[in-house]
Every structure is written in structure tokens, then in C-alpha cells.
C-alpha atoms as a PDB file:
ATOM      1  CA  MET A   1     -66.728 -27.339 -47.852  1.00  0.00           C
ATOM      2  CA  LYS A   2     -64.892 -26.682 -50.535  1.00  0.00           C
ATOM      3  CA  LYS A   3     -63.215 -29.888 -52.516  1.00  0.00           C
ATOM      4  CA  VAL A   4     -60.044 -30.306 -55.140  1.00  0.00           C
ATOM      5  CA  ASN A   5     -58.328 -33.029 -56.569  1.00  0.00           C
ATOM      6  CA  ILE A   6     -54.438 -33.597 -55.582  1.00  0.00           C
ATOM      7  CA  MET A   7     -51.709 -35.497 -55.737  1.00  0.00           C
ATOM      8  CA  LEU A   8     -49.166 -37.396 -53.428  1.00  0.00           C
ATOM      9  CA  ASP A   9     -46.815 -39.678 -55.300  1.00  0.00           C
ATOM     10  CA  SER A  10     -43.865 -39.743 -52.546  1.00  0.00           C
ATOM     11  CA  ILE A  11     -43.977 -40.721 -49.146  1.00  0.00           C
ATOM     12  CA  ALA A  12     -42.231 -37.147 -48.240  1.00  0.00           C
ATOM     13  CA  ALA A  13     -45.295 -35.336 -50.259  1.00  0.00           C
ATOM     14  CA  VAL A  14     -47.495 -37.265 -47.974  1.00  0.00           C
ATOM     15  CA  LYS A  15     -45.871 -35.808 -45.046  1.00  0.00           C
ATOM     16  CA  GLU A  16     -44.825 -33.069 -45.533  1.00  0.00           C
ATOM     17  CA  PHE A  17     -49.425 -32.678 -46.701  1.00  0.00           C
ATOM     18  CA  VAL A  18     -49.746 -33.706 -43.655  1.00  0.00           C
ATOM     19  CA  ASP A  19     -48.372 -30.737 -41.349  1.00  0.00           C
ATOM     20  CA  ILE A  20     -49.347 -28.261 -43.353  1.00  0.00           C
ATOM     21  CA  VAL A  21     -52.861 -29.969 -42.560  1.00  0.00           C
ATOM     22  CA  PHE A  22     -52.347 -30.029 -38.896  1.00  0.00           C
ATOM     23  CA  ARG A  23     -51.829 -26.414 -38.824  1.00  0.00           C
ATOM     24  CA  TYR A  24     -55.645 -25.830 -39.076  1.00  0.00           C
ATOM     25  CA  ASP A  25     -58.869 -26.576 -37.023  1.00  0.00           C
ATOM     26  CA  PHE A  26     -60.981 -27.411 -39.720  1.00  0.00           C
ATOM     27  CA  ASP A  27     -61.875 -30.942 -40.604  1.00  0.00           C
ATOM     28  CA  VAL A  28     -60.131 -32.328 -44.021  1.00  0.00           C
ATOM     29  CA  ASP A  29     -61.295 -35.557 -45.242  1.00  0.00           C
ATOM     30  CA  LEU A  30     -59.593 -36.921 -48.894  1.00  0.00           C
ATOM     31  CA  THR A  31     -61.628 -39.829 -50.838  1.00  0.00           C
ATOM     32  CA  SER A  32     -59.950 -41.748 -53.580  1.00  0.00           C
ATOM     33  CA  GLY A  33     -63.073 -44.027 -55.055  1.00  0.00           C
ATOM     34  CA  ARG A  34     -65.254 -45.180 -52.253  1.00  0.00           C
ATOM     35  CA  TYR A  35     -63.255 -45.093 -48.983  1.00  0.00           C
ATOM     36  CA  ALA A  36     -62.654 -41.516 -46.978  1.00  0.00           C
ATOM     37  CA  VAL A  37     -59.562 -40.824 -44.476  1.00  0.00           C
ATOM     38  CA  ASP A  38     -59.184 -37.830 -41.988  1.00  0.00           C
ATOM     39  CA  ALA A  39     -56.038 -35.991 -43.905  1.00  0.00           C
ATOM     40  CA  LYS A  40     -54.683 -35.096 -40.570  1.00  0.00           C
ATOM     41  CA  SER A  41     -53.923 -39.247 -40.730  1.00  0.00           C
ATOM     42  CA  ILE A  42     -50.897 -40.475 -42.176  1.00  0.00           C
ATOM     43  CA  MET A  43     -51.777 -44.061 -42.130  1.00  0.00           C
ATOM     44  CA  GLY A  44     -55.098 -43.203 -43.541  1.00  0.00           C
ATOM     45  CA  ILE A  45     -53.782 -41.430 -46.241  1.00  0.00           C
ATOM     46  CA  PHE A  46     -51.124 -44.177 -47.027  1.00  0.00           C
ATOM     47  CA  SER A  47     -54.684 -46.960 -47.687  1.00  0.00           C
ATOM     48  CA  LEU A  48     -55.654 -44.874 -50.319  1.00  0.00           C
ATOM     49  CA  ASP A  49     -54.890 -45.432 -54.425  1.00  0.00           C
ATOM     50  CA  LEU A  50     -51.558 -42.481 -54.387  1.00  0.00           C
ATOM     51  CA  THR A  51     -51.630 -43.478 -57.971  1.00  0.00           C
ATOM     52  CA  LYS A  52     -54.918 -41.969 -58.810  1.00  0.00           C
ATOM     53  CA  LYS A  53     -55.475 -38.097 -57.747  1.00  0.00           C
ATOM     54  CA  ILE A  54     -57.276 -38.080 -54.725  1.00  0.00           C
ATOM     55  CA  GLU A  55     -60.353 -35.686 -53.866  1.00  0.00           C
ATOM     56  CA  LEU A  56     -60.223 -34.185 -50.702  1.00  0.00           C
ATOM     57  CA  VAL A  57     -62.382 -32.166 -48.837  1.00  0.00           C
ATOM     58  CA  ALA A  58     -62.042 -29.035 -46.450  1.00  0.00           C
ATOM     59  CA  HIS A  59     -65.175 -28.475 -43.820  1.00  0.00           C
ATOM     60  CA  THR A  60     -65.008 -24.440 -43.737  1.00  0.00           C
ATOM     61  CA  ASP A  61     -65.466 -21.264 -46.275  1.00  0.00           C
ATOM     62  CA  ASP A  62     -62.474 -19.885 -45.197  1.00  0.00           C
ATOM     63  CA  VAL A  63     -59.849 -21.451 -47.279  1.00  0.00           C
ATOM     64  CA  ALA A  64     -57.493 -19.144 -49.311  1.00  0.00           C
ATOM     65  CA  ASP A  65     -55.116 -19.909 -47.567  1.00  0.00           C
ATOM     66  CA  PHE A  66     -55.097 -23.822 -46.319  1.00  0.00           C
ATOM     67  CA  PHE A  67     -56.172 -23.844 -50.683  1.00  0.00           C
ATOM     68  CA  GLU A  68     -52.496 -22.689 -51.311  1.00  0.00           C
ATOM     69  CA  LYS A  69     -50.380 -23.804 -48.718  1.00  0.00           C
ATOM     70  CA  ILE A  70     -51.095 -27.012 -51.159  1.00  0.00           C
ATOM     71  CA  SER A  71     -51.388 -25.584 -54.016  1.00  0.00           C
ATOM     72  CA  LYS A  72     -47.997 -27.603 -54.876  1.00  0.00           C
ATOM     73  CA  TYR A  73     -50.485 -31.222 -54.418  1.00  0.00           C
ATOM     74  CA  THR A  74     -53.847 -29.937 -56.423  1.00  0.00           C
ATOM     75  CA  VAL A  75     -54.618 -30.894 -60.006  1.00  0.00           C
ATOM     76  CA  ASP A  76     -57.534 -30.997 -62.592  1.00  0.00           C
END
């Protein structure tokens, strides 16, 4: 399990992000405050506060390729 913070600041960013996540077989969760959603769910993502950083949890140890693909969304 690996964690990183991301920002999704537009509808286009959410759509592109979900398209990337769908390519991977492992589970990916997004957490904002006390809410957690499946990162493959566009509706779930839009239920989060997208004006703040979102914690991403990838449920796999092989994340190098995945993190490279989502690197434009990662923040400190």
C-alpha cells in the first residue's frame, strides 16, 4: 500500500485521472477528510472537496508505473 497527495482541479482532470486509474487492476482509494471513495468512480470523486488536497492510497506495492502516469496530479 502506497500513499500520495493529489489535486484534481477541473472536470477534465477528474475524467483523465479516472481513465488512468481504470487501466490498473489494483484498488485505489481517495480520502478527503472523513470521506473515502473508489478512485475509479467519477461520481465518488465529485462528492469530495476538490478545492483541497486528496490523499490517494494505492493497494499494491508495484506503483512505479502508476505514480508516473498520475505525476501531474501529485502535490506535496
